[in-house]
């Protein structure tokens, strides 16, 4: 029953909560977003912060 419960709930229990990340690297930050959202965030970063001034915490490189 435990495996069945895990399988039924893993979609909601696995992954990353971006506010709990620190300096874990870009890959881990990337895991916090869907690929579509990541692409959108990168594009926004390129437009509004091309010099990566706002780079602390969970940085998204332009």
Protein backbone atom coordinates (compact mmCIF):
# COMPACT_ATOMS: atom_id res chain seq x y z
CA UNK A 1 0.00 0.00 0.00
CA UNK A 2 2.90 2.34 0.69
CA UNK A 3 4.24 2.07 -2.87
CA UNK A 4 0.78 2.67 -4.29
CA UNK A 5 0.41 5.75 -2.12
CA UNK A 6 3.84 7.00 -3.17
CA UNK A 7 3.08 6.44 -6.85
CA UNK A 8 -0.27 8.21 -6.52
CA UNK A 9 1.20 11.26 -4.78
CA UNK A 10 4.75 11.58 -6.15
CA UNK A 11 3.68 14.14 -8.74
CA UNK A 12 2.84 16.47 -5.86
CA UNK A 13 5.65 15.51 -3.50
CA UNK A 14 8.77 15.51 -5.66
CA UNK A 15 10.50 18.48 -7.16
CA UNK A 16 11.86 21.76 -5.93
CA UNK A 17 10.33 24.63 -4.02
CA UNK A 18 12.25 27.61 -5.35
CA UNK A 19 12.07 29.67 -2.15
CA UNK A 20 13.99 26.98 -0.25
CA UNK A 21 16.93 26.91 -2.66
CA UNK A 22 20.20 28.61 -1.89
CA UNK A 23 23.42 28.21 -3.90
CA UNK A 24 22.60 24.83 -5.41
CA UNK A 25 23.36 25.66 -9.01
CA UNK A 26 21.44 26.48 -12.14
CA UNK A 27 20.24 22.94 -12.78
CA UNK A 28 18.49 22.75 -9.41
CA UNK A 29 16.91 26.18 -9.90
CA UNK A 30 15.79 25.08 -13.35
CA UNK A 31 14.07 22.06 -11.82
CA UNK A 32 11.73 24.43 -9.98
CA UNK A 33 10.09 25.52 -13.25
CA UNK A 34 8.51 23.84 -16.23
CA UNK A 35 10.57 24.13 -19.40
CA UNK A 36 8.04 26.58 -20.84
CA UNK A 37 8.18 28.82 -17.76
CA UNK A 38 11.99 28.64 -17.67
CA UNK A 39 12.18 29.80 -21.30
CA UNK A 40 9.84 32.69 -20.56
CA UNK A 41 11.84 33.73 -17.50
CA UNK A 42 15.09 33.67 -19.48
CA UNK A 43 13.53 35.86 -22.16
CA UNK A 44 12.24 38.33 -19.56
CA UNK A 45 15.69 38.39 -17.95
CA UNK A 46 17.30 39.15 -21.34
CA UNK A 47 14.95 42.09 -21.83
CA UNK A 48 14.94 43.65 -18.36
CA UNK A 49 18.26 42.56 -16.84
CA UNK A 50 20.71 41.79 -19.67
CA UNK A 51 23.71 42.57 -17.45
CA UNK A 52 22.50 40.16 -14.76
CA UNK A 53 22.48 42.81 -12.03
CA UNK A 54 19.78 40.91 -10.11
CA UNK A 55 21.73 37.69 -9.74
CA UNK A 56 21.48 36.74 -6.09
CA UNK A 57 19.62 33.71 -4.76
CA UNK A 58 17.92 31.72 -7.53
CA UNK A 59 19.61 33.36 -10.48
CA UNK A 60 18.33 32.98 -14.01
CA UNK A 61 21.05 33.93 -16.46
CA UNK A 62 20.01 36.15 -19.37
